[in-house]
Amino acid sequence: MRSKKRRKAVALLSGGLDSTLAVKLIMDQGITVEAISFLFPFSTCDGREDCPAVGAASRLGVRLKLVDLGDEYFELVKNPKYGYGKNLNPCIDCKIFMLKKAKEYAEEVQADFILTGEVLDQRPMSQHMRALTLIEREADLEGKLLRPLSAKLLPETEAEKKGWVERKLLLSLRGRARRKQMDLAETLGIVGYPSPAGGCLLTDPLFCVRLKDLLEYG
């Protein structure tokens, strides 16, 4: 009898609680996970050992690829197709951009699907249903992007339909509260995750005042 093929996924891993939980849930279903994380010009993470993504990958035991976006990302910030959030944060364009990079990496390592730690309605600009659908379509990942923490509230993905992932073991989280994630982390033995906070300087009003001047007059 031939053994069942072990499936592989690429995860967007920020190192925060949500993305860490998403990876753990999929690993616990016997799927190999490789992680990708991004170094932005405006990120507080520079890839050193104290970077949340590096620490999370080490604790999870997954291989992590760090991608420095540099000037390419700066051009996106100057002229985002889908506009800015409250400050100069181009959240929708940013997510599409990252997922396109993740898709390239998934093809490189022959992964079957991509996963993120996104939670439905957690962020007002980029995580409501319409935005999630738009992002998936623009990244050319329709049906191939799994969001384990809210999967039961979203359409079935290819990974679920083909039985690679058991939908009944996924979650139905929604909104900004983190209590359920924290309780699950305790159950799964996940420790050392950072407190919820903005890791992107583009959400900082004071920083954005200076950046806006630079973009306009620099």
Protein backbone atom coordinates (compact mmCIF):
# COMPACT_ATOMS: atom_id res chain seq x y z
CA MET A 1 0.00 0.00 0.00
CA ARG A 2 1.42 3.38 -1.05
CA SER A 3 1.83 5.94 1.70
CA LYS A 4 -0.12 9.17 1.57
CA LYS A 5 1.91 12.10 0.22
CA ARG A 6 2.96 14.53 2.94
CA ARG A 7 1.70 17.97 1.99
CA LYS A 8 3.60 21.22 2.38
CA ALA A 9 2.47 24.77 3.06
CA VAL A 10 4.17 28.15 3.10
CA ALA A 11 3.10 30.40 5.97
CA LEU A 12 3.35 34.15 6.30
CA LEU A 13 4.87 34.40 9.76
CA SER A 14 5.12 37.75 11.52
CA GLY A 15 5.95 36.16 14.85
CA GLY A 16 2.79 37.45 16.48
CA LEU A 17 0.29 35.20 18.22
CA ASP A 18 -2.12 34.82 15.31
CA SER A 19 0.41 33.71 12.70
CA THR A 20 2.13 31.44 15.23
CA LEU A 21 -1.17 29.74 16.06
CA ALA A 22 -2.03 29.34 12.38
CA VAL A 23 1.26 27.56 11.73
CA LYS A 24 0.85 25.33 14.77
CA LEU A 25 -2.69 24.30 13.81
CA ILE A 26 -1.53 23.22 10.36
CA MET A 27 1.61 21.48 11.60
CA ASP A 28 -0.54 19.51 14.01
CA GLN A 29 -2.40 18.10 11.01
CA GLY A 30 0.82 16.50 9.78
CA ILE A 31 1.64 19.12 7.17
CA THR A 32 5.17 20.39 6.62
CA VAL A 33 5.27 24.17 7.00
CA GLU A 34 7.94 26.54 5.76
CA ALA A 35 7.67 30.17 6.82
CA ILE A 36 8.37 33.43 5.05
CA SER A 37 8.68 36.83 6.69
CA PHE A 38 9.46 40.25 5.30
CA LEU A 39 11.87 43.02 6.24
CA PHE A 40 10.32 46.36 5.32
CA PRO A 41 11.98 49.77 5.20
CA PHE A 42 9.43 50.82 7.84
CA SER A 43 9.42 47.69 9.98
CA THR A 44 10.72 47.50 13.53
CA CYS A 45 12.18 44.05 12.76
CA ASP A 46 15.61 43.84 11.15
CA GLY A 47 16.04 40.07 11.06
CA ARG A 48 18.12 39.68 14.21
CA GLU A 49 17.44 37.08 16.88
CA ASP A 50 15.10 39.41 18.78
CA CYS A 51 12.87 39.76 15.71
CA PRO A 52 9.48 38.12 16.52
CA ALA A 53 9.42 36.07 13.30
CA VAL A 54 12.87 34.64 13.92
CA GLY A 55 11.98 33.69 17.48
CA ALA A 56 8.62 32.17 16.50
CA ALA A 57 10.15 30.09 13.71
CA SER A 58 12.78 28.75 16.10
CA ARG A 59 10.19 27.78 18.72
CA LEU A 60 7.95 26.14 16.11
CA GLY A 61 10.86 24.34 14.48
CA VAL A 62 10.13 25.58 10.97
CA ARG A 63 12.49 26.88 8.33
CA LEU A 64 12.20 30.64 7.86
CA LYS A 65 13.00 32.64 4.75
CA LEU A 66 13.53 36.37 5.34
CA VAL A 67 12.90 38.64 2.36
CA ASP A 68 14.20 42.20 2.33
CA LEU A 69 11.73 44.27 0.31
CA GLY A 70 13.71 47.52 0.23
CA ASP A 71 13.16 50.01 -2.60
CA GLU A 72 10.50 47.88 -4.29
CA TYR A 73 8.25 48.28 -1.28
CA PHE A 74 9.01 51.98 -0.97
CA GLU A 75 7.56 52.52 -4.44
CA LEU A 76 4.36 50.76 -3.33
CA VAL A 77 4.06 53.07 -0.34
CA LYS A 78 4.33 56.14 -2.54
CA ASN A 79 1.42 55.13 -4.77
CA PRO A 80 -0.79 52.33 -3.42
CA LYS A 81 -3.53 51.16 -5.77
CA TYR A 82 -6.01 50.66 -2.92
CA GLY A 83 -5.04 53.71 -0.89
CA TYR A 84 -4.00 54.23 2.71
CA GLY A 85 -5.45 53.38 6.06
CA LYS A 86 -5.66 55.90 8.87
CA ASN A 87 -2.10 57.07 8.29
CA LEU A 88 0.27 56.07 5.46
CA ASN A 89 -0.33 52.35 5.81
CA PRO A 90 -1.22 50.76 2.43
CA CYS A 91 -2.53 47.61 4.12
CA ILE A 92 -4.37 46.04 1.19
CA ASP A 93 -1.57 46.67 -1.31
CA CYS A 94 0.95 45.49 1.28
CA LYS A 95 -0.83 42.18 1.84
CA ILE A 96 -1.17 41.57 -1.91
CA PHE A 97 2.52 42.34 -2.34
CA MET A 98 3.57 39.91 0.40
CA LEU A 99 1.30 37.15 -0.88
CA LYS A 100 2.74 37.45 -4.38
CA LYS A 101 6.21 37.00 -2.90
CA ALA A 102 4.95 34.06 -0.84
CA LYS A 103 3.43 32.51 -3.97
CA GLU A 104 6.80 32.69 -5.72
CA TYR A 105 8.45 31.01 -2.74
CA ALA A 106 5.74 28.34 -2.57
CA GLU A 107 6.41 27.48 -6.20
CA GLU A 108 10.13 27.35 -5.48
CA VAL A 109 9.76 24.88 -2.60
CA GLN A 110 6.86 23.02 -4.24
CA ALA A 111 4.35 23.83 -1.52
CA ASP A 112 0.71 22.91 -2.02
CA PHE A 113 -0.87 26.00 -0.49
CA ILE A 114 -0.25 29.19 1.48
CA LEU A 115 -1.53 30.10 4.92
CA THR A 116 -1.77 33.25 7.01
CA GLY A 117 -2.80 34.16 10.54
CA GLU A 118 -5.46 36.63 9.42
CA VAL A 119 -8.64 36.85 11.48
CA LEU A 120 -11.90 37.99 9.91
CA ASP A 121 -12.82 41.55 10.96
CA GLN A 122 -9.75 41.99 13.14
CA ARG A 123 -8.45 44.93 11.13
CA PRO A 124 -10.87 47.44 9.61
CA MET A 125 -9.08 48.03 6.30
CA SER A 126 -7.68 44.69 5.22
CA GLN A 127 -9.47 41.89 7.09
CA HIS A 128 -13.17 42.30 6.39
CA MET A 129 -14.73 39.79 4.01
CA ARG A 130 -14.62 41.95 0.90
CA ALA A 131 -10.97 42.87 1.46
CA LEU A 132 -9.94 39.26 2.08
CA THR A 133 -11.60 38.22 -1.16
CA LEU A 134 -10.00 41.09 -3.08
CA ILE A 135 -6.55 40.37 -1.72
CA GLU A 136 -6.80 36.69 -2.56
CA ARG A 137 -7.89 37.47 -6.13
CA GLU A 138 -5.26 40.16 -6.74
CA ALA A 139 -2.51 37.85 -5.46
CA ASP A 140 -3.73 35.12 -7.86
CA LEU A 141 -4.36 32.77 -4.95
CA GLU A 142 -8.08 32.10 -5.23
CA GLY A 143 -8.78 28.84 -3.44
CA LYS A 144 -5.13 28.37 -2.47
CA LEU A 145 -4.95 30.70 0.54
CA LEU A 146 -5.92 29.17 3.88
CA ARG A 147 -6.66 31.30 6.95
CA PRO A 148 -6.87 28.65 9.70
CA LEU A 149 -8.07 30.94 12.48
CA SER A 150 -11.23 32.00 10.60
CA ALA A 151 -11.52 29.17 8.08
CA LYS A 152 -14.97 27.99 9.18
CA LEU A 153 -16.36 31.46 8.42
CA LEU A 154 -14.79 31.56 4.95
CA PRO A 155 -15.29 29.60 1.72
CA GLU A 156 -13.60 26.21 1.58
CA THR A 157 -10.13 26.26 0.09
CA GLU A 158 -8.56 23.70 -2.20
CA ALA A 159 -6.61 22.25 0.75
CA GLU A 160 -9.87 21.53 2.58
CA LYS A 161 -11.78 20.25 -0.44
CA LYS A 162 -9.00 17.81 -1.32
CA GLY A 163 -8.70 16.57 2.26
CA TRP A 164 -5.17 17.82 2.85
CA VAL A 165 -6.53 19.80 5.81
CA GLU A 166 -9.45 18.82 8.03
CA ARG A 167 -11.84 21.75 8.16
CA LYS A 168 -13.35 20.54 11.44
CA LEU A 169 -9.99 21.13 13.14
CA LEU A 170 -9.83 24.75 11.99
CA LEU A 171 -11.33 27.73 13.80
CA SER A 172 -14.06 30.35 13.43
CA LEU A 173 -12.48 33.36 15.14
CA ARG A 174 -13.77 36.82 14.33
CA GLY A 175 -13.10 40.35 15.55
CA ARG A 176 -10.40 42.11 17.53
CA ALA A 177 -10.58 40.28 20.87
CA ARG A 178 -7.57 38.06 21.58
CA ARG A 179 -8.78 36.07 24.58
CA LYS A 180 -9.57 32.95 22.54
CA GLN A 181 -6.17 33.03 20.88
CA MET A 182 -4.45 33.39 24.24
CA ASP A 183 -6.41 30.50 25.70
CA LEU A 184 -5.56 28.34 22.69
CA ALA A 185 -1.88 29.27 22.99
CA GLU A 186 -1.90 28.06 26.57
CA THR A 187 -3.55 24.78 25.52
CA LEU A 188 -1.02 24.23 22.72
CA GLY A 189 1.96 25.19 24.86
CA ILE A 190 2.83 28.27 22.84
CA VAL A 191 4.83 30.78 24.89
CA GLY A 192 7.08 33.75 24.26
CA TYR A 193 4.84 35.54 21.78
CA PRO A 194 4.84 39.35 21.83
CA SER A 195 1.95 41.45 23.10
CA PRO A 196 -0.35 42.75 20.33
CA ALA A 197 1.19 45.95 18.99
CA GLY A 198 1.88 47.75 15.77
CA GLY A 199 5.16 46.64 14.24
CA CYS A 200 4.79 48.97 11.24
CA LEU A 201 5.92 52.57 11.46
CA LEU A 202 3.43 53.49 8.74
CA THR A 203 0.71 53.32 11.39
CA ASP A 204 2.54 55.80 13.63
CA PRO A 205 1.00 59.29 13.16
CA LEU A 206 4.13 61.20 14.16
CA PHE A 207 6.40 59.17 11.90
CA CYS A 208 3.96 59.56 9.01
CA VAL A 209 3.97 63.36 9.29
CA ARG A 210 7.72 63.31 8.63
CA LEU A 211 7.44 60.68 5.92
CA LYS A 212 4.71 62.62 4.12
CA ASP A 213 7.00 65.66 3.99
CA LEU A 214 9.76 63.48 2.59
CA LEU A 215 7.50 62.01 -0.09
CA GLU A 216 6.22 65.43 -1.11
CA TYR A 217 9.39 67.50 -0.91
CA GLY A 218 12.27 65.06 -0.69
